[in-house]
Structure formats: C-alpha cells, structure tokens
Amino acid sequence: YPKMKESDIAEACPVCRDNCNCKACLRSFKLIDEIKHSAKSKTNKDEEVEFSKYLLKGLLPYLRQLDEEQMIEKEREAKRQGISLSKLKIKSADYPKDERVYWLALI
C-alpha cells in the first residue's frame, strides 16, 4: 500500500478503507461491503455493550454517593419546612437547553 502511511493502516485496515489489493477484492467490491458490514455490526454492538458496562462500573459509586447526598438534602429541606419527605416538592432549575451547566463541589 504505497499511498498509505503506517499510522493510517494502524487506524483502519486497508479493507476498511476500500483499498485491498488481493485479486478477489480487486475484482469484487461486493465482498468488501459484506466484510465491512459484518465487522461493523458484530464488533460495534459488542464493543458498545462492553464499554457501557465499563462506564457503569466506574460511575456507579459516584452516582450512589450523589443519590445519598441528595436524599440527605431533601430530608433536611422537608424537616425545615415541617413536612414529610413524600410531600416535598422540588422545583427544577429553569435554564435554556443549550446552556452548559456546571457543578462546583465546595470542599
């Protein structure tokens, strides 16, 4: 593959770039399309599931901590207002959907 750099080949194989030099591929683009479709459908879905599991395992402790802190805050607010936790109504912040929201942890 004289027109490709090694870094390009490492990023995606020549077949995935529609640049395979074997006789079968040079004669048929249908084979390339089938290879690309089967590789994408199998690996992408499997990789997405594995990546999602990995992210969830990493985020779960922080999400639990956030939930616990929010429950403590709700209990305090309900106690301050003199009502039960089930009757407490929390207002949602009103901000434009395209606005970035930052959370600052004060330690």
N, C-alpha and C. Protein backbone atom coordinates (compact mmCIF):
# COMPACT_ATOMS: atom_id res chain seq x y z
N TYR A 1 0.84 -1.18 0.00
CA TYR A 1 0.00 0.00 0.00
C TYR A 1 0.88 1.24 0.00
N PRO A 2 1.42 1.57 -1.15
CA PRO A 2 2.39 2.66 -1.24
C PRO A 2 1.83 4.04 -0.91
N LYS A 3 0.54 4.25 -1.08
CA LYS A 3 -0.03 5.57 -0.82
C LYS A 3 -0.50 5.74 0.62
N MET A 4 -0.35 4.69 1.43
CA MET A 4 -0.83 4.76 2.82
C MET A 4 0.35 4.81 3.78
N LYS A 5 0.18 5.60 4.82
CA LYS A 5 1.18 5.66 5.88
C LYS A 5 0.90 4.54 6.88
N GLU A 6 1.91 4.17 7.67
CA GLU A 6 1.73 3.14 8.68
C GLU A 6 0.67 3.55 9.70
N SER A 7 0.65 4.82 10.03
CA SER A 7 -0.35 5.30 11.01
C SER A 7 -1.77 5.15 10.47
N ASP A 8 -1.94 5.33 9.15
CA ASP A 8 -3.26 5.15 8.54
C ASP A 8 -3.69 3.69 8.61
N ILE A 9 -2.75 2.80 8.37
CA ILE A 9 -3.06 1.37 8.42
C ILE A 9 -3.38 0.95 9.85
N ALA A 10 -2.67 1.52 10.81
CA ALA A 10 -2.94 1.20 12.22
C ALA A 10 -4.32 1.71 12.63
N GLU A 11 -4.74 2.82 12.07
CA GLU A 11 -6.04 3.42 12.40
C GLU A 11 -7.18 2.59 11.83
N ALA A 12 -7.05 2.15 10.59
CA ALA A 12 -8.07 1.32 9.95
C ALA A 12 -7.39 0.51 8.86
N CYS A 13 -7.73 -0.77 8.81
CA CYS A 13 -7.07 -1.64 7.84
C CYS A 13 -7.42 -1.23 6.41
N PRO A 14 -6.62 -1.62 5.44
CA PRO A 14 -6.88 -1.24 4.04
C PRO A 14 -8.24 -1.71 3.53
N VAL A 15 -8.72 -2.86 4.00
CA VAL A 15 -10.03 -3.34 3.57
C VAL A 15 -11.11 -2.37 4.02
N CYS A 16 -11.00 -1.90 5.26
CA CYS A 16 -12.00 -0.95 5.78
C CYS A 16 -11.93 0.38 5.05
N ARG A 17 -10.82 0.67 4.44
CA ARG A 17 -10.66 1.92 3.68
C ARG A 17 -10.91 1.70 2.18
N ASP A 18 -11.48 0.54 1.84
CA ASP A 18 -11.74 0.19 0.43
C ASP A 18 -10.47 0.21 -0.41
N ASN A 19 -9.40 -0.33 0.14
CA ASN A 19 -8.12 -0.29 -0.56
C ASN A 19 -7.38 -1.61 -0.39
N CYS A 20 -8.05 -2.72 -0.67
CA CYS A 20 -7.40 -4.03 -0.57
C CYS A 20 -6.85 -4.41 -1.95
N ASN A 21 -5.66 -4.99 -1.97
CA ASN A 21 -5.00 -5.31 -3.24
C ASN A 21 -5.05 -6.79 -3.62
N CYS A 22 -5.80 -7.61 -2.88
CA CYS A 22 -5.87 -9.02 -3.27
C CYS A 22 -6.73 -9.15 -4.53
N LYS A 23 -6.55 -10.25 -5.27
CA LYS A 23 -7.25 -10.42 -6.55
C LYS A 23 -8.77 -10.42 -6.38
N ALA A 24 -9.24 -11.10 -5.34
CA ALA A 24 -10.70 -11.18 -5.14
C ALA A 24 -11.29 -9.80 -4.89
N CYS A 25 -10.62 -9.01 -4.09
CA CYS A 25 -11.14 -7.67 -3.77
C CYS A 25 -11.01 -6.73 -4.95
N LEU A 26 -9.94 -6.89 -5.71
CA LEU A 26 -9.78 -6.04 -6.89
C LEU A 26 -10.87 -6.33 -7.92
N ARG A 27 -11.38 -7.56 -7.91
CA ARG A 27 -12.41 -7.94 -8.87
C ARG A 27 -13.82 -7.70 -8.34
N SER A 28 -14.00 -7.61 -7.01
CA SER A 28 -15.35 -7.52 -6.46
C SER A 28 -15.42 -6.57 -5.27
N PHE A 29 -16.21 -5.54 -5.40
CA PHE A 29 -16.44 -4.63 -4.28
C PHE A 29 -17.53 -5.17 -3.36
N LYS A 30 -18.32 -6.12 -3.85
CA LYS A 30 -19.38 -6.71 -3.03
C LYS A 30 -18.78 -7.41 -1.81
N LEU A 31 -17.68 -8.10 -2.00
CA LEU A 31 -17.01 -8.79 -0.91
C LEU A 31 -16.55 -7.80 0.16
N ILE A 32 -16.01 -6.69 -0.26
CA ILE A 32 -15.56 -5.66 0.68
C ILE A 32 -16.74 -5.13 1.48
N ASP A 33 -17.85 -4.85 0.81
CA ASP A 33 -19.03 -4.35 1.50
C ASP A 33 -19.56 -5.35 2.53
N GLU A 34 -19.55 -6.63 2.18
CA GLU A 34 -20.01 -7.66 3.11
C GLU A 34 -19.09 -7.75 4.33
N ILE A 35 -17.79 -7.70 4.10
CA ILE A 35 -16.83 -7.76 5.21
C ILE A 35 -17.01 -6.56 6.13
N LYS A 36 -17.12 -5.39 5.54
CA LYS A 36 -17.29 -4.18 6.35
C LYS A 36 -18.58 -4.22 7.14
N HIS A 37 -19.67 -4.65 6.52
CA HIS A 37 -20.96 -4.68 7.20
C HIS A 37 -20.96 -5.69 8.35
N SER A 38 -20.43 -6.88 8.11
CA SER A 38 -20.42 -7.89 9.18
C SER A 38 -19.49 -7.50 10.31
N ALA A 39 -18.37 -6.91 10.01
CA ALA A 39 -17.43 -6.48 11.06
C ALA A 39 -18.02 -5.36 11.90
N LYS A 40 -18.67 -4.40 11.26
CA LYS A 40 -19.25 -3.28 11.99
C LYS A 40 -20.41 -3.73 12.86
N SER A 41 -21.28 -4.59 12.32
CA SER A 41 -22.46 -4.98 13.08
C SER A 41 -22.10 -5.83 14.29
N LYS A 42 -21.09 -6.68 14.19
CA LYS A 42 -20.71 -7.53 15.32
C LYS A 42 -19.89 -6.78 16.35
N THR A 43 -18.82 -6.17 15.91
CA THR A 43 -17.91 -5.56 16.88
C THR A 43 -18.48 -4.29 17.50
N ASN A 44 -19.16 -3.47 16.74
CA ASN A 44 -19.66 -2.22 17.30
C ASN A 44 -20.67 -2.45 18.40
N LYS A 45 -21.62 -3.34 18.20
CA LYS A 45 -22.63 -3.60 19.23
C LYS A 45 -21.99 -4.24 20.46
N ASP A 46 -21.13 -5.22 20.24
CA ASP A 46 -20.46 -5.88 21.36
C ASP A 46 -19.57 -4.90 22.11
N GLU A 47 -18.84 -4.10 21.36
CA GLU A 47 -17.96 -3.11 22.00
C GLU A 47 -18.76 -2.07 22.76
N GLU A 48 -19.90 -1.66 22.21
CA GLU A 48 -20.74 -0.67 22.90
C GLU A 48 -21.25 -1.22 24.22
N VAL A 49 -21.66 -2.48 24.23
CA VAL A 49 -22.15 -3.10 25.47
C VAL A 49 -21.03 -3.18 26.49
N GLU A 50 -19.87 -3.64 26.07
CA GLU A 50 -18.74 -3.75 27.00
C GLU A 50 -18.31 -2.38 27.52
N PHE A 51 -18.29 -1.39 26.64
CA PHE A 51 -17.91 -0.04 27.06
C PHE A 51 -18.93 0.53 28.03
N SER A 52 -20.21 0.27 27.77
CA SER A 52 -21.27 0.74 28.67
C SER A 52 -21.14 0.11 30.05
N LYS A 53 -20.84 -1.18 30.08
CA LYS A 53 -20.64 -1.87 31.37
C LYS A 53 -19.45 -1.27 32.11
N TYR A 54 -18.39 -1.02 31.38
CA TYR A 54 -17.18 -0.44 31.98
C TYR A 54 -17.48 0.94 32.57
N LEU A 55 -18.20 1.77 31.82
CA LEU A 55 -18.56 3.11 32.31
C LEU A 55 -19.45 3.02 33.54
N LEU A 56 -20.42 2.12 33.49
CA LEU A 56 -21.35 1.98 34.61
C LEU A 56 -20.62 1.54 35.88
N LYS A 57 -19.69 0.60 35.74
CA LYS A 57 -18.92 0.16 36.91
C LYS A 57 -18.10 1.31 37.49
N GLY A 58 -17.58 2.16 36.64
CA GLY A 58 -16.79 3.29 37.11
C GLY A 58 -17.64 4.39 37.73
N LEU A 59 -18.82 4.62 37.16
CA LEU A 59 -19.67 5.71 37.63
C LEU A 59 -20.58 5.34 38.80
N LEU A 60 -20.88 4.08 38.96
CA LEU A 60 -21.85 3.65 39.97
C LEU A 60 -21.54 4.14 41.38
N PRO A 61 -20.31 4.05 41.87
CA PRO A 61 -20.05 4.56 43.23
C PRO A 61 -20.34 6.06 43.35
N TYR A 62 -20.02 6.83 42.34
CA TYR A 62 -20.27 8.27 42.38
C TYR A 62 -21.76 8.58 42.28
N LEU A 63 -22.48 7.82 41.47
CA LEU A 63 -23.92 8.02 41.37
C LEU A 63 -24.61 7.67 42.68
N ARG A 64 -24.16 6.61 43.33
CA ARG A 64 -24.72 6.25 44.64
C ARG A 64 -24.46 7.34 45.67
N GLN A 65 -23.25 7.87 45.67
CA GLN A 65 -22.90 8.95 46.60
C GLN A 65 -23.75 10.19 46.32
N LEU A 66 -23.92 10.53 45.07
CA LEU A 66 -24.74 11.69 44.70
C LEU A 66 -26.18 11.49 45.15
N ASP A 67 -26.72 10.29 44.94
CA ASP A 67 -28.08 9.99 45.37
C ASP A 67 -28.22 10.11 46.88
N GLU A 68 -27.24 9.58 47.60
CA GLU A 68 -27.26 9.66 49.07
C GLU A 68 -27.23 11.11 49.55
N GLU A 69 -26.37 11.92 48.94
CA GLU A 69 -26.27 13.33 49.31
C GLU A 69 -27.57 14.08 48.99
N GLN A 70 -28.20 13.76 47.87
CA GLN A 70 -29.46 14.40 47.52
C GLN A 70 -30.57 14.02 48.49
N MET A 71 -30.58 12.76 48.91
CA MET A 71 -31.60 12.33 49.88
C MET A 71 -31.42 13.05 51.21
N ILE A 72 -30.18 13.21 51.65
CA ILE A 72 -29.91 13.94 52.89
C ILE A 72 -30.40 15.38 52.76
N GLU A 73 -30.11 15.98 51.61
CA GLU A 73 -30.54 17.36 51.37
C GLU A 73 -32.07 17.48 51.36
N LYS A 74 -32.75 16.51 50.74
CA LYS A 74 -34.21 16.51 50.71
C LYS A 74 -34.78 16.35 52.12
N GLU A 75 -34.19 15.45 52.90
CA GLU A 75 -34.65 15.24 54.28
C GLU A 75 -34.50 16.51 55.10
N ARG A 76 -33.39 17.19 54.96
CA ARG A 76 -33.17 18.45 55.69
C ARG A 76 -34.20 19.51 55.27
N GLU A 77 -34.45 19.61 53.97
CA GLU A 77 -35.41 20.60 53.48
C GLU A 77 -36.82 20.28 53.97
N ALA A 78 -37.20 19.00 53.94
CA ALA A 78 -38.52 18.61 54.43
C ALA A 78 -38.64 18.92 55.92
N LYS A 79 -37.60 18.65 56.67
CA LYS A 79 -37.61 18.94 58.11
C LYS A 79 -37.70 20.45 58.34
N ARG A 80 -36.99 21.24 57.55
CA ARG A 80 -37.01 22.69 57.68
C ARG A 80 -38.42 23.24 57.40
N GLN A 81 -39.08 22.66 56.40
CA GLN A 81 -40.43 23.11 56.05
C GLN A 81 -41.50 22.50 56.95
N GLY A 82 -41.12 21.49 57.74
CA GLY A 82 -42.07 20.84 58.65
C GLY A 82 -43.06 19.94 57.94
N ILE A 83 -42.63 19.32 56.84
CA ILE A 83 -43.50 18.40 56.10
C ILE A 83 -42.78 17.07 55.93
N SER A 84 -43.54 16.07 55.51
CA SER A 84 -42.92 14.76 55.28
C SER A 84 -42.14 14.79 53.96
N LEU A 85 -41.22 13.86 53.85
CA LEU A 85 -40.38 13.78 52.64
C LEU A 85 -41.23 13.52 51.40
N SER A 86 -42.28 12.73 51.53
CA SER A 86 -43.13 12.41 50.38
C SER A 86 -43.91 13.62 49.87
N LYS A 87 -44.16 14.61 50.73
CA LYS A 87 -44.91 15.81 50.33
C LYS A 87 -44.00 16.92 49.81
N LEU A 88 -42.71 16.73 49.93
CA LEU A 88 -41.76 17.75 49.49
C LEU A 88 -41.77 17.86 47.97
N LYS A 89 -41.92 19.07 47.47
CA LYS A 89 -41.90 19.34 46.03
C LYS A 89 -40.60 20.07 45.70
N ILE A 90 -39.83 19.52 44.80
CA ILE A 90 -38.56 20.11 44.39
C ILE A 90 -38.76 20.81 43.05
N LYS A 91 -38.41 22.07 42.98
CA LYS A 91 -38.50 22.81 41.73
C LYS A 91 -37.28 22.50 40.86
N SER A 92 -37.52 22.35 39.58
CA SER A 92 -36.42 22.15 38.64
C SER A 92 -35.85 23.51 38.26
N ALA A 93 -34.55 23.55 38.08
CA ALA A 93 -33.91 24.79 37.65
C ALA A 93 -34.34 25.09 36.22
N ASP A 94 -34.62 26.34 35.96
CA ASP A 94 -35.05 26.76 34.63
C ASP A 94 -33.86 27.38 33.90
N TYR A 95 -33.40 26.69 32.87
CA TYR A 95 -32.28 27.19 32.08
C TYR A 95 -32.44 26.71 30.64
N PRO A 96 -31.90 27.45 29.70
CA PRO A 96 -32.00 27.04 28.29
C PRO A 96 -31.35 25.67 28.06
N LYS A 97 -31.95 24.89 27.21
CA LYS A 97 -31.46 23.52 26.95
C LYS A 97 -30.06 23.50 26.36
N ASP A 98 -29.67 24.55 25.65
CA ASP A 98 -28.34 24.57 25.04
C ASP A 98 -27.29 25.20 25.96
N GLU A 99 -27.69 25.57 27.18
CA GLU A 99 -26.75 26.18 28.11
C GLU A 99 -25.99 25.09 28.87
N ARG A 100 -24.71 25.30 29.05
CA ARG A 100 -23.91 24.36 29.83
C ARG A 100 -24.15 24.58 31.31
N VAL A 101 -24.23 23.48 32.03
CA VAL A 101 -24.46 23.56 33.47
C VAL A 101 -23.24 22.99 34.16
N TYR A 102 -22.71 23.74 35.10
CA TYR A 102 -21.52 23.32 35.83
C TYR A 102 -21.88 23.08 37.28
N TRP A 103 -21.26 22.10 37.87
CA TRP A 103 -21.45 21.80 39.27
C TRP A 103 -20.12 22.02 39.96
N LEU A 104 -20.12 22.84 40.98
CA LEU A 104 -18.90 23.15 41.70
C LEU A 104 -18.97 22.52 43.07
N ALA A 105 -18.07 21.61 43.33
CA ALA A 105 -18.03 20.95 44.64
C ALA A 105 -17.22 21.82 45.59
N LEU A 106 -17.87 22.30 46.60
CA LEU A 106 -17.19 23.11 47.61
C LEU A 106 -16.72 22.18 48.72
N ILE A 107 -15.43 22.09 48.86
CA ILE A 107 -14.86 21.18 49.85
C ILE A 107 -14.39 21.95 51.05
